[in-house]
Amino acid sequence: MTRVLAWSLILLAAAAALVLAWPRPPAESSAEVTFARDMSAHHLQAVGMSVTLFRRAADPEVRRLAQDIMLTQQAQVGQMSGWLMAWDRPQAGARPPMAGMDRAAMGLATPAQEASLETLPVRAAETQFLRLMRRHHAGGVAMAQAALEHLRRPETRAFASRVVVAQRAELGVLDHLLLQRGVAVPGLPTGAPENMPGMSHP
């Protein structure tokens, strides 16, 4: 009987340890829930612009970049939506996404800028897409870096870190394509070499 009681106490202690170790779903007001909703909204604008250019672009490099952004960021939106479902949180909160943020600083395009991707001549639309996406990626990096100061769960921290790395890499591609078109890139000298490492040319 004593041995059974001892084993029961051991099992109860183990179960209690598992409950304590298992992370609780984040609260509605948590950085995790806010980040998932805000970054999803930010990503969805990039996906929408990329879908337009994937359909319209004549330049194969621009079309390939649009496809990469479209597929990658749509998959990440799905991942963040999955978190919200697993945490038993609605996809949309009481406040609009990115409420209180400077939308221009976050790189968000205006409705008129998004519409221009459909109406401009193809070459001009490609250049407009590159300009808008450069600002958008810079804003996404800033959002993810700011979130890392508050996120606590390992999966959300790892995700935000991946966003920073991936979008910084794509900023290099965007800068390269803009320079090829003779468009000045903030922070880079004009007339920079066209042949940058890691880029293919038709």
C-alpha atoms as a PDB file:
ATOM      1  CA  MET A   1       0.000   0.000   0.000  1.00  0.00           C
ATOM      2  CA  THR A   2       2.823   2.362   0.866  1.00  0.00           C
ATOM      3  CA  ARG A   3       4.526   1.553  -2.423  1.00  0.00           C
ATOM      4  CA  VAL A   4       1.294   2.268  -4.363  1.00  0.00           C
ATOM      5  CA  LEU A   5       0.883   5.556  -2.535  1.00  0.00           C
ATOM      6  CA  ALA A   6       4.476   6.481  -3.304  1.00  0.00           C
ATOM      7  CA  TRP A   7       4.031   5.731  -6.996  1.00  0.00           C
ATOM      8  CA  SER A   8       0.791   7.699  -7.046  1.00  0.00           C
ATOM      9  CA  LEU A   9       2.536  10.695  -5.541  1.00  0.00           C
ATOM     10  CA  ILE A  10       5.351  10.392  -8.088  1.00  0.00           C
ATOM     11  CA  LEU A  11       2.875  10.263 -10.984  1.00  0.00           C
ATOM     12  CA  LEU A  12       0.929  13.209  -9.626  1.00  0.00           C
ATOM     13  CA  ALA A  13       4.133  15.206  -9.271  1.00  0.00           C
ATOM     14  CA  ALA A  14       5.161  14.309 -12.816  1.00  0.00           C
ATOM     15  CA  ALA A  15       1.763  15.349 -14.185  1.00  0.00           C
ATOM     16  CA  ALA A  16       1.921  18.622 -12.278  1.00  0.00           C
ATOM     17  CA  ALA A  17       5.389  19.270 -13.669  1.00  0.00           C
ATOM     18  CA  LEU A  18       4.130  18.672 -17.202  1.00  0.00           C
ATOM     19  CA  VAL A  19       1.232  21.085 -16.719  1.00  0.00           C
ATOM     20  CA  LEU A  20       3.558  23.740 -15.369  1.00  0.00           C
ATOM     21  CA  ALA A  21       6.079  23.184 -18.152  1.00  0.00           C
ATOM     22  CA  TRP A  22       3.467  23.291 -20.928  1.00  0.00           C
ATOM     23  CA  PRO A  23       3.122  26.907 -22.072  1.00  0.00           C
ATOM     24  CA  ARG A  24      -0.282  28.425 -21.508  1.00  0.00           C
ATOM     25  CA  PRO A  25      -2.000  29.994 -24.512  1.00  0.00           C
ATOM     26  CA  PRO A  26      -1.082  33.683 -24.691  1.00  0.00           C
ATOM     27  CA  ALA A  27      -3.605  36.225 -23.471  1.00  0.00           C
ATOM     28  CA  GLU A  28      -5.667  38.356 -25.829  1.00  0.00           C
ATOM     29  CA  SER A  29      -3.531  41.393 -24.988  1.00  0.00           C
ATOM     30  CA  SER A  30      -0.215  39.554 -25.314  1.00  0.00           C
ATOM     31  CA  ALA A  31       2.603  40.495 -27.654  1.00  0.00           C
ATOM     32  CA  GLU A  32       2.215  37.100 -29.344  1.00  0.00           C
ATOM     33  CA  VAL A  33      -1.434  37.595 -30.326  1.00  0.00           C
ATOM     34  CA  THR A  34      -0.853  41.205 -31.396  1.00  0.00           C
ATOM     35  CA  PHE A  35       2.176  40.215 -33.465  1.00  0.00           C
ATOM     36  CA  ALA A  36       0.336  37.379 -35.220  1.00  0.00           C
ATOM     37  CA  ARG A  37      -2.514  39.666 -36.254  1.00  0.00           C
ATOM     38  CA  ASP A  38      -0.414  42.685 -37.181  1.00  0.00           C
ATOM     39  CA  MET A  39       2.201  40.764 -39.160  1.00  0.00           C
ATOM     40  CA  SER A  40      -0.516  38.787 -40.956  1.00  0.00           C
ATOM     41  CA  ALA A  41      -2.148  42.023 -42.121  1.00  0.00           C
ATOM     42  CA  HIS A  42       1.236  43.385 -43.203  1.00  0.00           C
ATOM     43  CA  HIS A  43       2.056  40.192 -45.093  1.00  0.00           C
ATOM     44  CA  LEU A  44      -1.317  40.097 -46.832  1.00  0.00           C
ATOM     45  CA  GLN A  45      -0.688  43.444 -48.512  1.00  0.00           C
ATOM     46  CA  ALA A  46       2.636  42.120 -49.842  1.00  0.00           C
ATOM     47  CA  VAL A  47       0.877  38.992 -51.084  1.00  0.00           C
ATOM     48  CA  GLY A  48      -1.768  41.058 -52.884  1.00  0.00           C
ATOM     49  CA  MET A  49       0.794  43.260 -54.637  1.00  0.00           C
ATOM     50  CA  SER A  50       2.889  40.235 -55.562  1.00  0.00           C
ATOM     51  CA  VAL A  51      -0.084  38.402 -57.067  1.00  0.00           C
ATOM     52  CA  THR A  52      -0.668  41.392 -59.356  1.00  0.00           C
ATOM     53  CA  LEU A  53       2.950  41.508 -60.519  1.00  0.00           C
ATOM     54  CA  PHE A  54       3.222  37.744 -60.891  1.00  0.00           C
ATOM     55  CA  ARG A  55       0.325  38.049 -63.329  1.00  0.00           C
ATOM     56  CA  ARG A  56       1.509  41.195 -65.148  1.00  0.00           C
ATOM     57  CA  ALA A  57       5.319  41.291 -65.056  1.00  0.00           C
ATOM     58  CA  ALA A  58       7.304  40.813 -68.258  1.00  0.00           C
ATOM     59  CA  ASP A  59      10.730  40.906 -66.538  1.00  0.00           C
ATOM     60  CA  PRO A  60      11.460  37.308 -65.435  1.00  0.00           C
ATOM     61  CA  GLU A  61      13.437  38.444 -62.370  1.00  0.00           C
ATOM     62  CA  VAL A  62      10.595  40.654 -61.156  1.00  0.00           C
ATOM     63  CA  ARG A  63       8.089  37.874 -61.804  1.00  0.00           C
ATOM     64  CA  ARG A  64      10.233  35.353 -59.932  1.00  0.00           C
ATOM     65  CA  LEU A  65      10.635  37.703 -56.966  1.00  0.00           C
ATOM     66  CA  ALA A  66       6.866  38.349 -56.899  1.00  0.00           C
ATOM     67  CA  GLN A  67       6.246  34.589 -56.873  1.00  0.00           C
ATOM     68  CA  ASP A  68       8.716  34.025 -54.012  1.00  0.00           C
ATOM     69  CA  ILE A  69       7.139  36.777 -51.898  1.00  0.00           C
ATOM     70  CA  MET A  70       3.618  35.592 -52.691  1.00  0.00           C
ATOM     71  CA  LEU A  71       4.272  31.956 -51.734  1.00  0.00           C
ATOM     72  CA  THR A  72       6.487  32.621 -48.711  1.00  0.00           C
ATOM     73  CA  GLN A  73       4.356  35.270 -47.060  1.00  0.00           C
ATOM     74  CA  GLN A  74       1.077  33.468 -47.743  1.00  0.00           C
ATOM     75  CA  ALA A  75       2.517  30.371 -46.049  1.00  0.00           C
ATOM     76  CA  GLN A  76       3.604  32.496 -43.085  1.00  0.00           C
ATOM     77  CA  VAL A  77       0.113  33.990 -42.814  1.00  0.00           C
ATOM     78  CA  GLY A  78      -1.200  30.434 -42.626  1.00  0.00           C
ATOM     79  CA  GLN A  79       1.244  29.645 -39.842  1.00  0.00           C
ATOM     80  CA  MET A  80       0.213  32.694 -37.823  1.00  0.00           C
ATOM     81  CA  SER A  81      -3.466  31.895 -38.369  1.00  0.00           C
ATOM     82  CA  GLY A  82      -2.762  28.396 -37.065  1.00  0.00           C
ATOM     83  CA  TRP A  83      -1.253  29.846 -33.906  1.00  0.00           C
ATOM     84  CA  LEU A  84      -4.337  31.959 -33.265  1.00  0.00           C
ATOM     85  CA  MET A  85      -6.577  28.928 -33.716  1.00  0.00           C
ATOM     86  CA  ALA A  86      -4.408  26.819 -31.399  1.00  0.00           C
ATOM     87  CA  TRP A  87      -4.443  29.620 -28.814  1.00  0.00           C
ATOM     88  CA  ASP A  88      -8.253  29.854 -29.099  1.00  0.00           C
ATOM     89  CA  ARG A  89      -8.027  33.469 -30.218  1.00  0.00           C
ATOM     90  CA  PRO A  90     -10.083  34.972 -33.069  1.00  0.00           C
ATOM     91  CA  GLN A  91      -8.281  35.882 -36.270  1.00  0.00           C
ATOM     92  CA  ALA A  92      -9.321  39.534 -35.811  1.00  0.00           C
ATOM     93  CA  GLY A  93      -9.266  41.416 -32.546  1.00  0.00           C
ATOM     94  CA  ALA A  94     -11.364  44.284 -31.259  1.00  0.00           C
ATOM     95  CA  ARG A  95      -8.908  46.802 -32.675  1.00  0.00           C
ATOM     96  CA  PRO A  96      -7.864  47.021 -36.340  1.00  0.00           C
ATOM     97  CA  PRO A  97      -4.484  45.499 -37.237  1.00  0.00           C
ATOM     98  CA  MET A  98      -1.517  47.797 -36.610  1.00  0.00           C
ATOM     99  CA  ALA A  99      -3.707  50.303 -34.765  1.00  0.00           C
ATOM    100  CA  GLY A 100      -1.611  53.142 -33.412  1.00  0.00           C
ATOM    101  CA  MET A 101       1.316  52.400 -35.730  1.00  0.00           C
ATOM    102  CA  ASP A 102       2.627  54.821 -38.335  1.00  0.00           C
ATOM    103  CA  ARG A 103       1.447  53.011 -41.464  1.00  0.00           C
ATOM    104  CA  ALA A 104       3.916  54.861 -43.683  1.00  0.00           C
ATOM    105  CA  ALA A 105       6.797  53.940 -41.363  1.00  0.00           C
ATOM    106  CA  MET A 106       5.663  50.316 -41.551  1.00  0.00           C
ATOM    107  CA  GLY A 107       6.002  50.514 -45.328  1.00  0.00           C
ATOM    108  CA  LEU A 108       2.336  50.029 -46.130  1.00  0.00           C
ATOM    109  CA  ALA A 109       1.230  51.128 -49.590  1.00  0.00           C
ATOM    110  CA  THR A 110      -1.785  53.381 -49.966  1.00  0.00           C
ATOM    111  CA  PRO A 111      -4.873  52.095 -51.806  1.00  0.00           C
ATOM    112  CA  ALA A 112      -3.967  54.357 -54.754  1.00  0.00           C
ATOM    113  CA  GLN A 113      -0.455  52.908 -54.901  1.00  0.00           C
ATOM    114  CA  GLU A 114      -1.806  49.369 -54.841  1.00  0.00           C
ATOM    115  CA  ALA A 115      -4.265  50.223 -57.633  1.00  0.00           C
ATOM    116  CA  SER A 116      -1.471  51.716 -59.736  1.00  0.00           C
ATOM    117  CA  LEU A 117       0.095  48.272 -60.089  1.00  0.00           C
ATOM    118  CA  GLU A 118      -2.936  47.277 -62.154  1.00  0.00           C
ATOM    119  CA  THR A 119      -3.169  50.407 -64.310  1.00  0.00           C
ATOM    120  CA  LEU A 120       0.414  51.516 -65.039  1.00  0.00           C
ATOM    121  CA  PRO A 121       2.151  50.242 -68.175  1.00  0.00           C
ATOM    122  CA  VAL A 122       3.935  46.978 -67.402  1.00  0.00           C
ATOM    123  CA  ARG A 123       7.475  48.362 -67.180  1.00  0.00           C
ATOM    124  CA  ALA A 124       6.343  51.225 -64.933  1.00  0.00           C
ATOM    125  CA  ALA A 125       4.269  48.827 -62.818  1.00  0.00           C
ATOM    126  CA  GLU A 126       7.328  46.614 -62.304  1.00  0.00           C
ATOM    127  CA  THR A 127       9.375  49.569 -61.080  1.00  0.00           C
ATOM    128  CA  GLN A 128       6.544  50.767 -58.856  1.00  0.00           C
ATOM    129  CA  PHE A 129       6.265  47.268 -57.370  1.00  0.00           C
ATOM    130  CA  LEU A 130       9.985  47.194 -56.580  1.00  0.00           C
ATOM    131  CA  ARG A 131       9.808  50.619 -54.918  1.00  0.00           C
ATOM    132  CA  LEU A 132       6.720  49.743 -52.885  1.00  0.00           C
ATOM    133  CA  MET A 133       8.030  46.331 -51.893  1.00  0.00           C
ATOM    134  CA  ARG A 134      11.344  47.781 -50.777  1.00  0.00           C
ATOM    135  CA  ARG A 135       9.529  50.120 -48.365  1.00  0.00           C
ATOM    136  CA  HIS A 136       7.205  47.289 -47.344  1.00  0.00           C
ATOM    137  CA  HIS A 137      10.075  44.913 -46.517  1.00  0.00           C
ATOM    138  CA  ALA A 138      11.929  47.607 -44.558  1.00  0.00           C
ATOM    139  CA  GLY A 139       8.746  48.134 -42.535  1.00  0.00           C
ATOM    140  CA  GLY A 140       8.341  44.385 -42.009  1.00  0.00           C
ATOM    141  CA  VAL A 141      11.888  44.112 -40.690  1.00  0.00           C
ATOM    142  CA  ALA A 142      11.246  47.016 -38.298  1.00  0.00           C
ATOM    143  CA  MET A 143       7.999  45.400 -37.077  1.00  0.00           C
ATOM    144  CA  ALA A 144       9.660  42.043 -36.454  1.00  0.00           C
ATOM    145  CA  GLN A 145      12.628  43.620 -34.660  1.00  0.00           C
ATOM    146  CA  ALA A 146      10.308  45.651 -32.420  1.00  0.00           C
ATOM    147  CA  ALA A 147       8.257  42.524 -31.653  1.00  0.00           C
ATOM    148  CA  LEU A 148      11.378  40.618 -30.610  1.00  0.00           C
ATOM    149  CA  GLU A 149      11.717  42.995 -27.655  1.00  0.00           C
ATOM    150  CA  HIS A 150       8.407  41.692 -26.263  1.00  0.00           C
ATOM    151  CA  LEU A 151       7.803  38.167 -27.592  1.00  0.00           C
ATOM    152  CA  ARG A 152       8.382  35.382 -25.072  1.00  0.00           C
ATOM    153  CA  ARG A 153       7.336  32.135 -26.754  1.00  0.00           C
ATOM    154  CA  PRO A 154      10.163  30.354 -28.602  1.00  0.00           C
ATOM    155  CA  GLU A 155       8.113  29.690 -31.729  1.00  0.00           C
ATOM    156  CA  THR A 156       7.100  33.330 -32.174  1.00  0.00           C
ATOM    157  CA  ARG A 157      10.619  34.576 -31.460  1.00  0.00           C
ATOM    158  CA  ALA A 158      12.084  32.142 -33.999  1.00  0.00           C
ATOM    159  CA  PHE A 159       9.472  33.208 -36.556  1.00  0.00           C
ATOM    160  CA  ALA A 160      10.169  36.931 -36.068  1.00  0.00           C
ATOM    161  CA  SER A 161      13.910  36.288 -36.401  1.00  0.00           C
ATOM    162  CA  ARG A 162      13.326  34.415 -39.673  1.00  0.00           C
ATOM    163  CA  VAL A 163      11.259  37.338 -40.994  1.00  0.00           C
ATOM    164  CA  VAL A 164      14.153  39.716 -40.275  1.00  0.00           C
ATOM    165  CA  VAL A 165      16.711  37.493 -42.016  1.00  0.00           C
ATOM    166  CA  ALA A 166      14.544  36.646 -45.051  1.00  0.00           C
ATOM    167  CA  GLN A 167      13.289  40.153 -45.710  1.00  0.00           C
ATOM    168  CA  ARG A 168      16.751  41.670 -45.308  1.00  0.00           C
ATOM    169  CA  ALA A 169      17.983  39.222 -47.946  1.00  0.00           C
ATOM    170  CA  GLU A 170      15.133  40.195 -50.285  1.00  0.00           C
ATOM    171  CA  LEU A 171      15.917  43.869 -49.720  1.00  0.00           C
ATOM    172  CA  GLY A 172      19.271  43.162 -51.362  1.00  0.00           C
ATOM    173  CA  VAL A 173      17.508  41.670 -54.372  1.00  0.00           C
ATOM    174  CA  LEU A 174      15.110  44.619 -54.570  1.00  0.00           C
ATOM    175  CA  ASP A 175      17.985  47.101 -54.403  1.00  0.00           C
ATOM    176  CA  HIS A 176      19.780  45.245 -57.188  1.00  0.00           C
ATOM    177  CA  LEU A 177      16.747  45.269 -59.467  1.00  0.00           C
ATOM    178  CA  LEU A 178      16.088  48.966 -58.807  1.00  0.00           C
ATOM    179  CA  LEU A 179      19.709  49.874 -59.572  1.00  0.00           C
ATOM    180  CA  GLN A 180      19.483  47.907 -62.820  1.00  0.00           C
ATOM    181  CA  ARG A 181      16.634  50.229 -63.787  1.00  0.00           C
ATOM    182  CA  GLY A 182      18.576  53.352 -62.847  1.00  0.00           C
ATOM    183  CA  VAL A 183      16.446  54.024 -59.783  1.00  0.00           C
ATOM    184  CA  ALA A 184      18.301  55.550 -56.839  1.00  0.00           C
ATOM    185  CA  VAL A 185      18.161  53.377 -53.720  1.00  0.00           C
ATOM    186  CA  PRO A 186      18.281  55.097 -50.298  1.00  0.00           C
ATOM    187  CA  GLY A 187      21.561  54.334 -48.562  1.00  0.00           C
ATOM    188  CA  LEU A 188      23.300  53.094 -51.722  1.00  0.00           C
ATOM    189  CA  PRO A 189      25.326  55.135 -54.203  1.00  0.00           C
ATOM    190  CA  THR A 190      23.822  55.583 -57.654  1.00  0.00           C
ATOM    191  CA  GLY A 191      25.690  53.813 -60.422  1.00  0.00           C
ATOM    192  CA  ALA A 192      26.516  50.805 -58.217  1.00  0.00           C
ATOM    193  CA  PRO A 193      27.697  47.730 -60.128  1.00  0.00           C
ATOM    194  CA  GLU A 194      24.902  45.808 -61.807  1.00  0.00           C
ATOM    195  CA  ASN A 195      26.453  42.365 -61.360  1.00  0.00           C
ATOM    196  CA  MET A 196      25.946  41.587 -57.700  1.00  0.00           C
ATOM    197  CA  PRO A 197      26.825  38.199 -56.196  1.00  0.00           C
ATOM    198  CA  GLY A 198      24.069  35.627 -56.199  1.00  0.00           C
ATOM    199  CA  MET A 199      21.993  37.229 -58.934  1.00  0.00           C
ATOM    200  CA  SER A 200      21.325  35.634 -62.302  1.00  0.00           C
ATOM    201  CA  HIS A 201      20.952  37.641 -65.474  1.00  0.00           C
ATOM    202  CA  PRO A 202      19.003  36.755 -68.617  1.00  0.00           C
END
